[in-house]
N, C-alpha and C. Protein backbone atom coordinates (compact mmCIF):
# COMPACT_ATOMS: atom_id res chain seq x y z
N UNK A 1 -3.98 13.61 -8.06
CA UNK A 1 -5.63 12.87 -7.67
C UNK A 1 -4.82 11.77 -6.73
N UNK A 2 -5.39 10.79 -6.16
CA UNK A 2 -5.06 9.82 -6.05
C UNK A 2 -3.85 10.66 -4.41
N UNK A 3 -3.54 11.24 -3.47
CA UNK A 3 -3.07 11.91 -2.98
C UNK A 3 -4.03 11.59 -1.80
N UNK A 4 -4.83 11.97 -1.22
CA UNK A 4 -6.50 10.64 -0.43
C UNK A 4 -5.69 9.45 -0.03
N UNK A 5 -6.04 9.07 -1.46
CA UNK A 5 -6.32 7.58 -1.60
C UNK A 5 -4.70 6.81 -1.52
N UNK A 6 -4.00 7.21 -1.47
CA UNK A 6 -2.10 7.28 -1.19
C UNK A 6 -2.26 6.45 0.01
N UNK A 7 -2.84 7.67 0.43
CA UNK A 7 -2.26 7.79 2.39
C UNK A 7 -3.43 7.51 2.78
N UNK A 8 -3.97 6.80 2.76
CA UNK A 8 -5.25 6.13 2.88
C UNK A 8 -4.88 4.22 3.05
N UNK A 9 -4.39 4.76 2.19
CA UNK A 9 -3.64 2.92 2.09
C UNK A 9 -5.09 1.94 0.62
N UNK A 10 -5.23 2.99 0.32
CA UNK A 10 -6.26 2.82 -0.72
C UNK A 10 -6.19 2.95 -2.25
N UNK A 11 -6.49 1.52 -2.98
CA UNK A 11 -6.65 1.32 -4.42
C UNK A 11 -7.78 2.53 -5.15
N UNK A 12 -6.62 3.19 -6.34
CA UNK A 12 -7.52 4.37 -7.35
C UNK A 12 -8.09 3.96 -7.48
N UNK A 13 -9.66 4.50 -7.90
CA UNK A 13 -9.86 3.75 -8.58
C UNK A 13 -9.93 4.82 -9.91
N UNK A 14 -10.86 3.88 -11.00
CA UNK A 14 -10.56 3.53 -12.37
C UNK A 14 -10.40 5.23 -12.94
N UNK A 15 -11.78 5.45 -12.18
CA UNK A 15 -12.16 6.32 -12.45
C UNK A 15 -11.03 7.82 -12.63
N UNK A 16 -10.61 8.17 -11.37
CA UNK A 16 -9.78 8.54 -10.60
C UNK A 16 -8.10 8.97 -12.23
N UNK A 17 -7.94 7.67 -12.76
CA UNK A 17 -6.89 7.71 -13.70
C UNK A 17 -7.78 7.57 -15.06
N UNK A 18 -8.82 7.23 -15.14
CA UNK A 18 -8.59 7.32 -16.53
C UNK A 18 -9.69 9.28 -16.92
N UNK A 19 -10.45 9.66 -16.18
CA UNK A 19 -11.24 10.80 -16.81
C UNK A 19 -10.62 12.29 -16.47
N UNK A 20 -10.93 12.69 -17.68
CA UNK A 20 -10.63 13.73 -17.30
C UNK A 20 -11.21 15.34 -16.24
N UNK A 21 -10.58 15.43 -15.51
CA UNK A 21 -11.35 16.59 -14.67
C UNK A 21 -11.41 18.22 -15.02
N UNK A 22 -11.28 18.03 -16.10
CA UNK A 22 -11.01 19.78 -16.27
C UNK A 22 -12.15 19.76 -16.98
N UNK A 23 -12.65 18.86 -17.56
CA UNK A 23 -13.96 19.16 -18.43
C UNK A 23 -14.83 19.71 -17.75
N UNK A 24 -14.94 18.44 -16.08
CA UNK A 24 -16.29 19.23 -15.21
C UNK A 24 -16.64 20.80 -15.11
N UNK A 25 -17.20 21.64 -15.71
CA UNK A 25 -17.31 22.94 -15.57
C UNK A 25 -16.71 23.89 -14.00
N UNK A 26 -17.59 22.32 -12.90
CA UNK A 26 -16.93 23.20 -11.47
C UNK A 26 -15.68 22.19 -10.79
N UNK A 27 -15.10 22.29 -12.19
CA UNK A 27 -13.54 21.95 -11.49
C UNK A 27 -12.21 22.61 -10.69
N UNK A 28 -12.67 23.39 -11.01
CA UNK A 28 -11.53 23.75 -9.44
C UNK A 28 -11.74 23.84 -8.18
N UNK A 29 -13.74 23.57 -8.05
CA UNK A 29 -14.02 23.73 -6.81
C UNK A 29 -13.88 21.69 -6.18
N UNK A 30 -14.18 21.22 -7.11
CA UNK A 30 -13.54 19.41 -6.76
C UNK A 30 -12.34 19.41 -7.04
N UNK A 31 -10.86 19.63 -8.01
CA UNK A 31 -9.63 19.48 -6.93
C UNK A 31 -9.87 20.57 -5.84
N UNK A 32 -10.07 21.47 -5.63
CA UNK A 32 -9.98 22.26 -3.98
C UNK A 32 -10.56 20.91 -3.30
N UNK A 33 -11.52 20.99 -3.38
CA UNK A 33 -12.04 19.18 -2.81
C UNK A 33 -11.46 18.40 -2.07
N UNK A 34 -10.96 17.87 -3.17
CA UNK A 34 -9.58 16.41 -2.50
C UNK A 34 -8.95 17.01 -2.30
N UNK A 35 -7.77 18.29 -2.68
CA UNK A 35 -6.27 18.71 -1.94
C UNK A 35 -6.94 18.23 -0.03
N UNK A 36 -7.85 18.99 -0.14
CA UNK A 36 -8.64 19.43 1.04
C UNK A 36 -8.53 17.64 1.93
N UNK A 37 -9.23 16.96 1.51
CA UNK A 37 -9.43 16.19 1.99
C UNK A 37 -8.13 15.26 2.06
N UNK A 38 -6.45 15.38 0.52
CA UNK A 38 -5.58 14.99 1.01
C UNK A 38 -5.00 15.77 2.12
N UNK A 39 -4.77 17.10 1.90
CA UNK A 39 -3.61 16.85 3.32
C UNK A 39 -4.58 16.93 4.60
N UNK A 40 -5.71 17.12 4.29
CA UNK A 40 -6.73 16.22 6.34
C UNK A 40 -5.47 14.88 5.57
N UNK A 41 -5.78 14.25 5.32
CA UNK A 41 -5.44 12.42 4.97
C UNK A 41 -4.12 12.09 6.29
N UNK A 42 -3.05 12.64 4.89
CA UNK A 42 -1.41 13.04 5.70
C UNK A 42 -1.03 13.86 6.87
N UNK A 43 -1.72 15.43 7.12
CA UNK A 43 -2.26 15.54 8.52
C UNK A 43 -2.43 14.71 9.63
N UNK A 44 -2.18 12.54 9.77
CA UNK A 44 -2.08 12.49 10.69
C UNK A 44 -0.92 11.57 11.03
N UNK A 45 0.23 11.08 11.37
CA UNK A 45 1.15 11.33 11.82
C UNK A 45 1.44 9.74 11.47
N UNK A 46 0.14 9.05 11.61
CA UNK A 46 0.72 7.84 11.93
C UNK A 46 0.52 7.01 9.77
N UNK A 47 0.08 7.82 9.03
CA UNK A 47 -0.35 7.71 7.97
C UNK A 47 1.29 7.53 6.86
N UNK A 48 2.51 8.52 7.96
CA UNK A 48 4.00 8.62 7.07
C UNK A 48 4.85 7.85 7.64
N UNK A 49 4.13 6.52 8.64
CA UNK A 49 4.61 5.46 8.97
C UNK A 49 4.77 4.27 7.88
N UNK A 50 5.44 3.40 7.95
CA UNK A 50 5.59 2.16 7.20
C UNK A 50 5.32 2.87 5.20
N UNK A 51 5.23 1.52 4.72
CA UNK A 51 5.30 1.80 3.53
C UNK A 51 4.24 2.02 2.82
N UNK A 52 3.73 2.48 1.65
CA UNK A 52 2.63 2.73 1.13
C UNK A 52 2.17 1.62 -0.90
N UNK A 53 1.99 0.90 -0.90
CA UNK A 53 2.33 -0.17 -2.36
C UNK A 53 1.70 1.34 -3.51
N UNK A 54 2.80 1.02 -4.82
CA UNK A 54 2.03 2.02 -4.88
C UNK A 54 1.34 1.26 -6.49
N UNK A 55 1.63 -0.07 -6.66
CA UNK A 55 0.90 -0.78 -6.77
C UNK A 55 2.93 -1.65 -7.94
N UNK A 56 3.22 -0.43 -8.15
CA UNK A 56 4.57 -1.35 -9.48
C UNK A 56 5.74 -1.68 -7.93
N UNK A 57 5.75 -0.98 -6.54
CA UNK A 57 7.15 -0.89 -5.79
C UNK A 57 5.95 -0.80 -4.48
N UNK A 58 6.60 -1.17 -3.75
CA UNK A 58 6.69 -0.03 -2.30
C UNK A 58 7.47 1.33 -1.89
N UNK A 59 7.01 1.84 -1.09
CA UNK A 59 7.67 2.93 -0.91
C UNK A 59 7.71 3.05 1.11
N UNK A 60 8.72 4.47 1.23
CA UNK A 60 7.65 4.31 2.81
C UNK A 60 6.95 5.51 2.79
N UNK A 61 6.37 4.75 3.62
CA UNK A 61 5.49 6.67 3.26
C UNK A 61 5.84 8.16 3.52
N UNK A 62 7.13 8.49 4.19
CA UNK A 62 7.08 9.46 4.59
C UNK A 62 7.92 10.57 2.94
N UNK A 63 8.80 8.99 2.48
CA UNK A 63 9.09 9.37 1.12
C UNK A 63 8.22 9.82 -0.16
N UNK A 64 7.34 9.71 0.35
CA UNK A 64 6.11 9.90 -0.98
C UNK A 64 5.32 10.99 -0.65
N UNK A 65 5.40 10.84 0.82
CA UNK A 65 5.01 12.90 0.98
C UNK A 65 5.90 13.90 1.04
N UNK A 66 6.46 13.41 1.16
CA UNK A 66 7.85 14.70 0.47
C UNK A 66 7.54 14.67 -0.54
N UNK A 67 7.19 14.06 -1.28
CA UNK A 67 7.78 14.20 -3.04
C UNK A 67 6.04 15.26 -3.29
N UNK A 68 5.62 14.95 -2.08
CA UNK A 68 3.83 15.59 -2.60
C UNK A 68 3.83 16.45 -1.81
N UNK A 69 4.76 16.99 -1.73
CA UNK A 69 4.52 18.66 -0.79
C UNK A 69 5.91 18.98 -2.23
N UNK A 70 7.19 18.67 -2.21
CA UNK A 70 7.39 19.18 -3.16
C UNK A 70 6.35 19.07 -4.89
N UNK A 71 5.55 18.43 -4.89
CA UNK A 71 4.34 18.63 -6.66
C UNK A 71 3.88 19.50 -6.55
N UNK A 72 3.33 19.89 -4.83
CA UNK A 72 2.47 21.06 -4.40
C UNK A 72 2.95 22.01 -4.65
N UNK A 73 4.48 22.17 -4.25
CA UNK A 73 4.77 23.16 -4.44
C UNK A 73 5.84 23.75 -5.91
N UNK A 74 6.20 23.20 -6.64
CA UNK A 74 7.24 23.82 -7.79
C UNK A 74 5.27 23.79 -8.62
N UNK A 75 4.34 22.64 -8.84
CA UNK A 75 3.60 22.98 -9.52
C UNK A 75 2.12 23.74 -9.44
N UNK A 76 2.40 24.04 -7.77
CA UNK A 76 1.56 25.69 -7.44
C UNK A 76 2.54 26.60 -7.94
N UNK A 77 4.10 26.51 -8.13
CA UNK A 77 4.57 28.26 -8.92
C UNK A 77 4.17 27.72 -10.10
N UNK A 78 4.26 27.21 -10.98
CA UNK A 78 4.20 26.73 -12.23
C UNK A 78 2.24 27.35 -13.06
N UNK A 79 1.22 26.63 -11.60
CA UNK A 79 -0.11 27.29 -11.92
C UNK A 79 0.36 29.04 -12.27
N UNK A 80 0.33 29.44 -10.98
CA UNK A 80 0.91 30.92 -10.29
C UNK A 80 1.67 31.40 -11.35
N UNK A 81 2.94 30.84 -11.55
CA UNK A 81 3.84 31.22 -13.01
C UNK A 81 2.65 31.80 -14.31
N UNK A 82 1.63 30.48 -14.98
CA UNK A 82 0.94 30.12 -16.14
C UNK A 82 0.38 31.08 -15.27
N UNK A 83 -0.60 31.86 -14.69
CA UNK A 83 -1.37 32.72 -14.69
C UNK A 83 -1.08 34.22 -14.03
N UNK A 84 -0.26 34.79 -14.03
CA UNK A 84 0.36 35.97 -13.84
C UNK A 84 0.54 36.18 -12.06
N UNK A 85 -0.20 34.77 -11.45
CA UNK A 85 0.34 35.34 -9.72
C UNK A 85 1.53 34.91 -9.86
N UNK A 86 1.95 35.55 -8.10
CA UNK A 86 3.26 35.68 -7.63
C UNK A 86 2.52 34.33 -6.24
N UNK A 87 4.30 33.53 -6.21
CA UNK A 87 4.17 31.91 -5.40
C UNK A 87 4.98 32.38 -4.48
N UNK A 88 4.46 32.29 -3.13
CA UNK A 88 5.80 32.43 -1.74
C UNK A 88 5.30 30.75 -1.17
N UNK A 89 6.68 30.35 -0.46
CA UNK A 89 6.85 29.87 0.55
C UNK A 89 7.40 30.09 1.34
N UNK A 90 7.12 29.49 2.57
CA UNK A 90 8.37 29.99 3.39
C UNK A 90 9.94 29.57 3.15
N UNK A 91 10.62 29.80 3.64
CA UNK A 91 12.30 29.05 3.65
C UNK A 91 12.28 28.37 4.77
N UNK A 92 12.14 27.55 5.90
CA UNK A 92 11.61 26.22 5.54
C UNK A 92 10.73 25.31 4.35
N UNK A 93 10.23 26.09 4.22
CA UNK A 93 9.26 24.52 3.14
C UNK A 93 10.30 24.61 1.49
N UNK A 94 10.82 26.12 1.68
CA UNK A 94 12.34 26.19 0.59
C UNK A 94 13.23 25.29 0.33
N UNK A 95 13.05 25.43 1.60
CA UNK A 95 15.01 23.79 2.22
C UNK A 95 14.67 23.01 1.78
N UNK A 96 13.08 22.69 2.15
CA UNK A 96 12.71 21.45 2.31
C UNK A 96 12.50 20.57 0.53
N UNK A 97 12.11 21.42 0.18
CA UNK A 97 11.28 21.49 -1.33
C UNK A 97 12.76 21.34 -2.66
N UNK A 98 14.12 21.74 -2.09
CA UNK A 98 14.79 21.86 -2.73
C UNK A 98 15.65 20.63 -2.18
N UNK A 99 16.25 20.17 -0.94
CA UNK A 99 16.79 19.13 -0.39
C UNK A 99 15.88 17.62 -1.24
N UNK A 100 14.03 17.85 -2.12
CA UNK A 100 13.62 16.38 -2.49
C UNK A 100 13.95 16.66 -3.65
N UNK A 101 13.72 17.69 -4.01
CA UNK A 101 14.15 18.23 -5.54
C UNK A 101 15.39 17.17 -6.16
N UNK A 102 16.72 18.03 -5.21
CA UNK A 102 17.99 17.69 -5.50
C UNK A 102 18.53 15.97 -5.47
N UNK A 103 17.45 15.33 -4.85
CA UNK A 103 17.04 14.08 -3.97
C UNK A 103 17.06 13.52 -5.27
N UNK A 104 15.78 13.85 -5.91
CA UNK A 104 15.18 13.29 -7.00
C UNK A 104 15.33 13.37 -8.14
N UNK A 105 16.18 14.14 -8.79
CA UNK A 105 15.65 15.15 -10.14
C UNK A 105 16.87 14.10 -10.77
N UNK A 106 17.55 13.75 -10.42
CA UNK A 106 18.28 12.50 -12.16
C UNK A 106 17.53 12.01 -12.49
N UNK A 107 16.38 11.25 -11.23
CA UNK A 107 15.07 9.86 -11.86
C UNK A 107 14.58 10.39 -12.38
N UNK A 108 13.94 12.06 -11.98
CA UNK A 108 12.35 12.61 -13.33
C UNK A 108 13.32 12.93 -14.20
N UNK A 109 14.29 13.33 -14.57
CA UNK A 109 15.12 13.65 -15.67
C UNK A 109 15.14 11.94 -16.45
N UNK A 110 14.96 10.58 -16.06
CA UNK A 110 14.95 9.81 -17.09
C UNK A 110 13.74 9.73 -17.85
N UNK A 111 12.13 10.03 -16.85
CA UNK A 111 11.18 10.01 -16.55
C UNK A 111 10.03 11.16 -17.95
N UNK A 112 11.08 12.59 -17.55
CA UNK A 112 10.91 13.69 -18.44
C UNK A 112 10.21 14.35 -17.87
N UNK A 113 10.06 13.88 -16.46
CA UNK A 113 9.38 14.29 -15.27
C UNK A 113 9.63 15.77 -14.82
N UNK A 114 11.67 15.57 -15.17
CA UNK A 114 12.22 17.25 -14.95
C UNK A 114 12.86 17.20 -16.48
N UNK A 115 13.22 19.35 -16.64
CA UNK A 115 13.71 19.32 -17.75
C UNK A 115 15.18 19.97 -17.66
N UNK A 116 16.45 19.68 -18.21
CA UNK A 116 17.47 20.22 -17.37
C UNK A 116 17.99 20.67 -16.98
N UNK A 117 18.87 21.14 -15.92
CA UNK A 117 19.33 21.71 -14.44
C UNK A 117 18.90 23.23 -15.30
N UNK A 118 18.42 24.40 -14.68
CA UNK A 118 19.20 25.37 -15.20
C UNK A 118 19.27 26.81 -14.53
N UNK A 119 21.22 27.11 -14.91
CA UNK A 119 21.68 27.94 -13.78
C UNK A 119 20.85 28.84 -13.16
N UNK A 120 21.89 29.67 -12.45
CA UNK A 120 20.42 30.04 -11.23
C UNK A 120 21.79 31.13 -11.15
N UNK A 121 21.69 32.04 -10.42
CA UNK A 121 23.49 33.19 -9.15
C UNK A 121 23.52 32.31 -8.28
N UNK A 122 24.72 31.54 -8.14
CA UNK A 122 25.17 32.29 -6.48
C UNK A 122 25.02 32.62 -5.80
N UNK A 123 24.48 31.78 -4.18
CA UNK A 123 23.22 32.74 -3.29
C UNK A 123 21.84 32.72 -3.92
N UNK A 124 20.96 32.17 -5.02
CA UNK A 124 20.04 32.17 -4.68
C UNK A 124 19.16 30.97 -4.38
N UNK A 125 18.03 31.99 -3.42
CA UNK A 125 17.18 32.13 -2.88
C UNK A 125 16.59 30.21 -3.04
N UNK A 126 16.50 29.29 -2.21
CA UNK A 126 16.31 28.16 -1.44
C UNK A 126 15.32 27.14 -2.90
N UNK A 127 14.44 28.25 -3.14
CA UNK A 127 13.24 28.06 -3.69
C UNK A 127 13.23 28.05 -5.12
N UNK A 128 14.03 29.66 -5.68
CA UNK A 128 14.44 29.27 -7.27
C UNK A 128 15.30 28.60 -7.12
N UNK A 129 17.03 27.68 -6.12
CA UNK A 129 17.47 26.80 -6.52
C UNK A 129 16.19 25.34 -7.12
N UNK A 130 15.71 25.20 -6.19
CA UNK A 130 15.23 24.16 -6.50
C UNK A 130 13.98 24.51 -7.76
N UNK A 131 13.52 25.15 -8.15
CA UNK A 131 12.92 25.38 -9.56
C UNK A 131 14.32 25.32 -10.17
N UNK A 132 15.13 25.74 -10.44
CA UNK A 132 16.06 25.37 -11.25
C UNK A 132 16.79 24.18 -11.72
N UNK A 133 16.89 23.49 -10.24
CA UNK A 133 17.05 22.18 -10.42
C UNK A 133 16.63 21.13 -11.24
N UNK A 134 14.99 21.48 -11.43
CA UNK A 134 13.82 20.57 -11.17
C UNK A 134 13.06 20.96 -13.06
N UNK A 135 14.77 22.07 -13.57
CA UNK A 135 14.29 22.27 -15.20
C UNK A 135 13.65 23.59 -15.43
N UNK A 136 13.21 23.78 -14.38
CA UNK A 136 11.99 25.63 -14.58
C UNK A 136 12.70 26.97 -14.00
N UNK A 137 12.82 27.61 -14.95
CA UNK A 137 13.32 29.51 -15.11
C UNK A 137 12.85 29.96 -13.89
N UNK A 138 13.65 29.99 -12.45
CA UNK A 138 12.94 30.98 -11.39
C UNK A 138 12.77 32.27 -12.23
N UNK A 139 13.56 32.95 -12.77
CA UNK A 139 12.92 34.55 -13.99
C UNK A 139 11.55 34.54 -14.38
N UNK A 140 11.29 33.35 -14.57
CA UNK A 140 9.24 33.44 -14.75
C UNK A 140 8.29 34.02 -14.64
N UNK A 141 8.54 33.33 -12.73
CA UNK A 141 7.27 34.01 -11.45
C UNK A 141 7.58 35.21 -11.38
N UNK A 142 8.67 35.60 -12.02
CA UNK A 142 9.18 37.84 -11.41
C UNK A 142 8.00 37.97 -11.67
């Protein structure tokens, strides 16, 4: 949550950070609607310019957008894998996610956001390498 607010440079309401959305019976629909609003907000090219105040620091908007894309892809794979579904991203998206994961992996590990890298065979697809670099075993999603 908060992806729409970041794009629009709005403060996160307390209820977004304190509330357990999964306790609501209609949370899947609410989450989908929230994600639609976030995608619409980030679709504006002007949103990718300048910096966004995260509260503790400012960060280039394009950098935040790249991390949002990585989060959607990696956690989308997490959910698909946990529910027995297949998850696919385009080759271009996979390469993009791999670049973002490789750029930020050590930082994420410092905050327990990523586990240690998982070995993958030479020549593994880009998304498998991104998953492995984030501490996920791409074989689990097979």
